[in-house]
Amino acid sequence: MKRGLLSLLGLALVVTLAGAAEDKITGKCPVSGKDITKDVSVDYKGAKVYFCCPGCPDAFKGDTAKYASKANQQLVQTGQATQEKCPLSGGKINPDKTAKVGEVTVKFCCEKCQGKVAAAEGDAQRDLVFSDTAFGKGFKVGK
């Protein structure tokens, strides 16, 4: 009886932890740069952009253009958007031509596009790949 109860409790713990892991989302708030939570989001480009707190969505909605590259990057990082083409040229991607942009590995069509992004740093690098124009060329929202 005791062994059965312990087994049942162990199973319940595993199921609870697995459910918690599925609910976890990682990324940075496009407004504050802090860790995001699934509890605070707004609809954006047919997906959801997540924030750190209830105050940030209003700032985001007030100037979405200012936060677009950060929001677009988050869509990719959270798996809501996938890369289909080179974000710089719109050309076919070469899986051997990649660069890490924040927490996202981005593929490019050629060494020239890859090199341009690899040479940039920080916000400039993110803006090259995830600006609205680049995002429109290279990524698609949805699975």
Protein backbone atom coordinates (compact mmCIF):
# COMPACT_ATOMS: atom_id res chain seq x y z
CA MET A 1 0.00 0.00 0.00
CA LYS A 2 2.77 2.40 1.00
CA ARG A 3 4.77 1.56 -2.11
CA GLY A 4 1.72 2.12 -4.35
CA LEU A 5 1.05 5.50 -2.75
CA LEU A 6 4.67 6.57 -3.20
CA SER A 7 4.59 5.48 -6.84
CA LEU A 8 1.40 7.45 -7.41
CA LEU A 9 2.90 10.55 -5.78
CA GLY A 10 6.05 10.20 -7.89
CA LEU A 11 3.99 9.94 -11.06
CA ALA A 12 1.95 13.00 -10.09
CA LEU A 13 5.17 14.97 -9.54
CA VAL A 14 6.56 13.97 -12.95
CA VAL A 15 3.30 14.94 -14.70
CA THR A 16 3.20 18.27 -12.86
CA LEU A 17 6.81 19.11 -13.74
CA ALA A 18 6.27 18.12 -17.38
CA GLY A 19 3.22 20.37 -17.57
CA ALA A 20 5.14 23.25 -16.02
CA ALA A 21 7.94 22.83 -18.56
CA GLU A 22 5.43 22.99 -21.43
CA ASP A 23 3.96 26.22 -20.06
CA LYS A 24 7.40 27.85 -19.78
CA ILE A 25 8.27 30.34 -22.46
CA THR A 26 11.65 31.99 -22.88
CA GLY A 27 12.56 35.27 -24.45
CA LYS A 28 12.92 38.95 -23.68
CA CYS A 29 10.24 41.61 -23.42
CA PRO A 30 10.53 43.87 -26.48
CA VAL A 31 9.91 46.94 -24.31
CA SER A 32 11.96 46.35 -21.15
CA GLY A 33 14.39 43.59 -22.15
CA LYS A 34 13.38 41.53 -19.09
CA ASP A 35 12.30 37.86 -19.16
CA ILE A 36 8.81 37.30 -20.58
CA THR A 37 5.82 35.55 -19.09
CA LYS A 38 3.00 33.74 -20.89
CA ASP A 39 0.50 35.66 -18.77
CA VAL A 40 0.96 39.01 -20.56
CA SER A 41 0.69 39.19 -24.35
CA VAL A 42 -0.84 41.03 -27.30
CA ASP A 43 -1.82 39.81 -30.75
CA TYR A 44 0.77 40.74 -33.38
CA LYS A 45 1.05 39.56 -36.98
CA GLY A 46 -1.27 36.63 -36.34
CA ALA A 47 0.72 35.46 -33.32
CA LYS A 48 1.43 36.67 -29.78
CA VAL A 49 4.16 38.92 -28.44
CA TYR A 50 4.85 38.31 -24.76
CA PHE A 51 5.89 40.83 -22.12
CA CYS A 52 7.38 40.90 -18.65
CA CYS A 53 4.56 42.82 -16.96
CA PRO A 54 1.13 44.37 -17.57
CA GLY A 55 2.62 47.84 -18.16
CA CYS A 56 4.63 46.99 -21.28
CA PRO A 57 1.84 46.13 -23.77
CA ASP A 58 0.58 49.73 -23.75
CA ALA A 59 4.05 51.06 -24.57
CA PHE A 60 4.34 48.46 -27.35
CA LYS A 61 0.93 49.31 -28.84
CA GLY A 62 1.78 53.01 -28.63
CA ASP A 63 4.77 52.60 -30.98
CA THR A 64 4.95 49.13 -32.54
CA ALA A 65 7.43 50.35 -35.17
CA LYS A 66 9.94 51.17 -32.41
CA TYR A 67 9.76 47.60 -31.04
CA ALA A 68 9.15 45.70 -34.32
CA SER A 69 12.56 44.03 -34.70
CA LYS A 70 12.53 42.84 -31.07
CA ALA A 71 8.96 41.57 -31.42
CA ASN A 72 9.74 39.81 -34.71
CA GLN A 73 12.78 38.16 -33.15
CA GLN A 74 10.62 36.97 -30.26
CA LEU A 75 8.12 35.42 -32.71
CA VAL A 76 10.94 33.30 -34.14
CA GLN A 77 12.49 32.50 -30.76
CA THR A 78 9.13 31.33 -29.36
CA GLY A 79 8.49 29.14 -32.40
CA GLN A 80 5.54 31.13 -33.71
CA ALA A 81 7.39 32.09 -36.89
CA THR A 82 9.73 30.00 -39.00
CA GLN A 83 12.41 30.96 -41.46
CA GLU A 84 11.70 30.17 -45.11
CA LYS A 85 14.11 32.43 -47.02
CA CYS A 86 17.12 34.67 -46.55
CA PRO A 87 15.95 37.74 -44.62
CA LEU A 88 18.30 40.04 -46.55
CA SER A 89 17.79 38.91 -50.14
CA GLY A 90 14.61 36.85 -49.98
CA GLY A 91 16.59 34.09 -51.71
CA LYS A 92 16.73 30.36 -51.03
CA ILE A 93 18.50 29.60 -47.76
CA ASN A 94 21.75 27.67 -47.58
CA PRO A 95 21.80 25.68 -44.32
CA ASP A 96 25.60 26.03 -44.19
CA LYS A 97 25.43 29.85 -44.07
CA THR A 98 24.27 30.77 -40.57
CA ALA A 99 24.78 33.40 -37.90
CA LYS A 100 23.55 33.60 -34.34
CA VAL A 101 21.39 36.68 -33.73
CA GLY A 102 20.58 36.83 -30.05
CA GLU A 103 19.25 33.38 -29.20
CA VAL A 104 18.18 32.62 -32.79
CA THR A 105 20.26 30.86 -35.43
CA VAL A 106 19.47 32.51 -38.77
CA LYS A 107 20.23 31.01 -42.18
CA PHE A 108 21.28 33.00 -45.24
CA CYS A 109 21.46 32.44 -48.98
CA CYS A 110 25.14 33.24 -49.39
CA GLU A 111 28.39 34.22 -47.73
CA LYS A 112 27.80 37.91 -48.51
CA CYS A 113 24.53 38.07 -46.54
CA GLN A 114 25.95 35.92 -43.75
CA GLY A 115 29.04 38.13 -43.53
CA LYS A 116 27.04 41.35 -43.43
CA VAL A 117 25.09 40.12 -40.41
CA ALA A 118 28.11 38.54 -38.72
CA ALA A 119 29.97 41.87 -38.98
CA ALA A 120 27.14 43.79 -37.28
CA GLU A 121 26.61 43.78 -33.52
CA GLY A 122 23.79 44.16 -31.02
CA ASP A 123 20.76 46.17 -32.12
CA ALA A 124 22.19 46.75 -35.60
CA GLN A 125 22.54 43.01 -36.15
CA ARG A 126 19.01 42.33 -34.89
CA ASP A 127 17.58 45.12 -37.02
CA LEU A 128 19.26 43.74 -40.18
CA VAL A 129 17.56 40.37 -39.73
CA PHE A 130 14.30 41.14 -37.91
CA SER A 131 13.19 44.56 -39.20
CA ASP A 132 9.69 44.42 -40.69
CA THR A 133 11.18 44.41 -44.21
CA ALA A 134 13.64 41.59 -43.49
CA PHE A 135 11.07 39.64 -41.49
CA GLY A 136 8.64 39.85 -44.42
CA LYS A 137 11.29 38.50 -46.81
CA GLY A 138 12.51 35.62 -44.69
CA PHE A 139 9.98 34.47 -42.13
CA LYS A 140 6.42 33.19 -41.96
CA VAL A 141 4.13 33.28 -38.94
CA GLY A 142 2.38 29.99 -38.24
CA LYS A 143 3.44 26.39 -38.39
